[in-house]
Every structure is written in structure tokens, then in C-alpha cells.
């Protein structure tokens, strides 16, 4: 009672969804991929395009994260951790000073 019985096909679908999420696809993108997967005779051009869009999106995020990291390293190096918070160069940098 209260248990669900999943078929092998359901488990495969869940694994597909989970792996797609791990790779950064949104639920809407996964829905589209599942629709494409359901029509096996269709060209894979749209699947490739969706994947390339995701790669481009991730590349932009990586660049943004690298820029953020570089900025944080720079402001972190400006503080030795032995001053009062009112004189903290990190806090001043975050204030835009």
C-alpha cells in the first residue's frame, strides 16, 4: 500500500531526466529533449543545437565565475585579516571604494 510500481521504461526515463539535470539542462529543455527522443526517426539536428546552446551558456557562466574569482582573490589579498572591520579593505572594496 502506498508503493508505486515503476516499469523499466519509467526508470530509464527518470535516469535520462536526472542525467540531463546534472548536465545543466532546464526542465523545459529536458521536456524538449524527451519529445525529440520520442521520435527516433527524426533528425538529431535539434538535439545537437540544444546541446551547443547549453555548452555556450555554460562557457559564459564559467567566464563569469572566473572573473568573479579573480576579483575576489584580488580583494582578499588586500586584507591581512588583522584589522578592525571598520578598516577592512575587503569591506571597503565591496562598498566600491
Protein backbone atom coordinates (compact mmCIF):
# COMPACT_ATOMS: atom_id res chain seq x y z
CA UNK A 1 0.00 0.00 0.00
CA UNK A 2 1.39 3.42 -0.93
CA UNK A 3 4.11 1.96 -3.16
CA UNK A 4 4.46 2.69 -6.83
CA UNK A 5 5.46 0.13 -9.37
CA UNK A 6 7.79 1.56 -11.99
CA UNK A 7 8.46 -0.17 -15.26
CA UNK A 8 11.95 -0.42 -16.69
CA UNK A 9 10.94 2.27 -19.19
CA UNK A 10 9.94 4.62 -16.36
CA UNK A 11 13.28 4.04 -14.67
CA UNK A 12 15.14 4.76 -17.90
CA UNK A 13 13.15 7.97 -18.34
CA UNK A 14 13.92 9.06 -14.76
CA UNK A 15 17.63 8.32 -15.32
CA UNK A 16 17.54 10.38 -18.53
CA UNK A 17 15.95 13.31 -16.68
CA UNK A 18 18.40 13.10 -13.79
CA UNK A 19 21.45 12.93 -16.07
CA UNK A 20 20.12 15.84 -18.15
CA UNK A 21 19.66 17.92 -14.98
CA UNK A 22 23.21 17.05 -13.86
CA UNK A 23 24.45 18.42 -17.18
CA UNK A 24 22.60 21.70 -16.62
CA UNK A 25 19.54 21.31 -18.80
CA UNK A 26 16.40 23.02 -17.50
CA UNK A 27 13.13 21.14 -17.13
CA UNK A 28 11.81 22.85 -20.26
CA UNK A 29 14.91 21.79 -22.21
CA UNK A 30 14.58 18.24 -20.86
CA UNK A 31 10.94 18.18 -21.94
CA UNK A 32 12.04 19.17 -25.43
CA UNK A 33 14.79 16.52 -25.44
CA UNK A 34 12.30 13.87 -24.33
CA UNK A 35 9.96 14.92 -27.14
CA UNK A 36 12.79 14.59 -29.63
CA UNK A 37 13.78 11.22 -28.15
CA UNK A 38 10.20 10.01 -28.62
CA UNK A 39 10.54 10.44 -32.41
CA UNK A 40 13.57 8.24 -33.20
CA UNK A 41 13.39 8.71 -36.99
CA UNK A 42 13.71 12.50 -36.70
CA UNK A 43 17.00 14.27 -37.46
CA UNK A 44 19.22 14.88 -34.45
CA UNK A 45 20.00 18.42 -35.62
CA UNK A 46 17.73 20.00 -32.97
CA UNK A 47 19.27 17.84 -30.23
CA UNK A 48 22.74 18.97 -31.33
CA UNK A 49 21.60 22.62 -31.41
CA UNK A 50 20.17 22.39 -27.87
CA UNK A 51 23.41 20.83 -26.64
CA UNK A 52 25.52 23.51 -28.32
CA UNK A 53 23.34 26.23 -26.74
CA UNK A 54 23.89 24.61 -23.34
CA UNK A 55 27.66 24.47 -23.95
CA UNK A 56 27.67 28.18 -24.86
CA UNK A 57 25.62 29.02 -21.76
CA UNK A 58 27.97 27.06 -19.52
CA UNK A 59 31.00 28.69 -21.14
CA UNK A 60 29.57 32.14 -20.33
CA UNK A 61 28.94 31.09 -16.74
CA UNK A 62 32.48 29.76 -16.44
CA UNK A 63 33.89 33.05 -17.73
CA UNK A 64 31.74 34.98 -15.26
CA UNK A 65 32.81 32.71 -12.40
CA UNK A 66 36.49 33.06 -13.37
CA UNK A 67 36.12 36.85 -13.43
CA UNK A 68 34.41 36.78 -10.04
CA UNK A 69 37.14 34.53 -8.62
CA UNK A 70 39.89 36.81 -9.93
CA UNK A 71 38.21 39.84 -8.35
CA UNK A 72 37.71 38.05 -5.05
CA UNK A 73 41.33 36.90 -4.96
CA UNK A 74 42.47 40.46 -5.59
CA UNK A 75 40.38 41.99 -2.81
CA UNK A 76 41.16 39.09 -0.45
CA UNK A 77 44.89 39.72 -0.90
CA UNK A 78 44.37 43.34 0.15
CA UNK A 79 43.45 42.25 3.69
CA UNK A 80 45.73 40.51 6.19
CA UNK A 81 42.81 39.70 8.49
CA UNK A 82 44.28 41.64 11.41
CA UNK A 83 42.44 44.94 11.14
CA UNK A 84 39.14 46.08 12.53
CA UNK A 85 36.13 45.60 10.30
CA UNK A 86 35.76 49.38 10.00
CA UNK A 87 39.14 49.43 8.26
CA UNK A 88 38.78 46.14 6.35
CA UNK A 89 39.92 46.58 2.73
CA UNK A 90 37.58 43.77 1.63
CA UNK A 91 34.52 45.54 3.05
CA UNK A 92 35.73 48.84 1.53
CA UNK A 93 36.13 47.14 -1.85
CA UNK A 94 32.62 45.72 -1.61
CA UNK A 95 31.41 49.26 -0.89
CA UNK A 96 33.04 50.28 -4.17
CA UNK A 97 35.75 52.34 -2.50
